[in-house]
Amino acid sequence: MKKRITEYLRRIDLLLDTAGPDTDWEREKSEHLTQISFFMHERLIHLIVTALFAVLTFMVLIQLLNAFTPVLAILFAALMALLVPYIMHYYLLENSVQKMYEQYDKMVEYYESWKIRDQKKN
């Protein structure tokens, strides 16, 4: 997922940097909104999973502090080993979706400016 989202963001940045009058902004905006909705769904799922893992991890930590056992210590370590990557992945998704919003705003701005130029030509 990380590779997919970073490559997509790079592709859109390149499009925004090199766009010309022949760019089909209607199609690009529509595709971008579709991708935003996919990544927003992914972000929501990862938020739920991350929150549940965090709650479970803290429950185990509280029990571990209450009555130390090696099994709970191993479980806590395993949960932490999973929780940290989940948080990192959620962070990537959150920031990437925010960047996509900014890219969409630029697309709208470019679309409007090209539309105005086309109307002035006619």
Foldseek 3Di string as FASTA:
>chain_A
DLVVLVVVLVVLVVCLVDPDLPDPLVVVLVVLVVVLVVLVVVLVVLVVVLVVLVVVLVVLVVVCVVPNDVVSVVVNVVSVVVNVVSVVVSVSSVVSSVVSVVSSVSSVVVVVVSVVVVVVVD
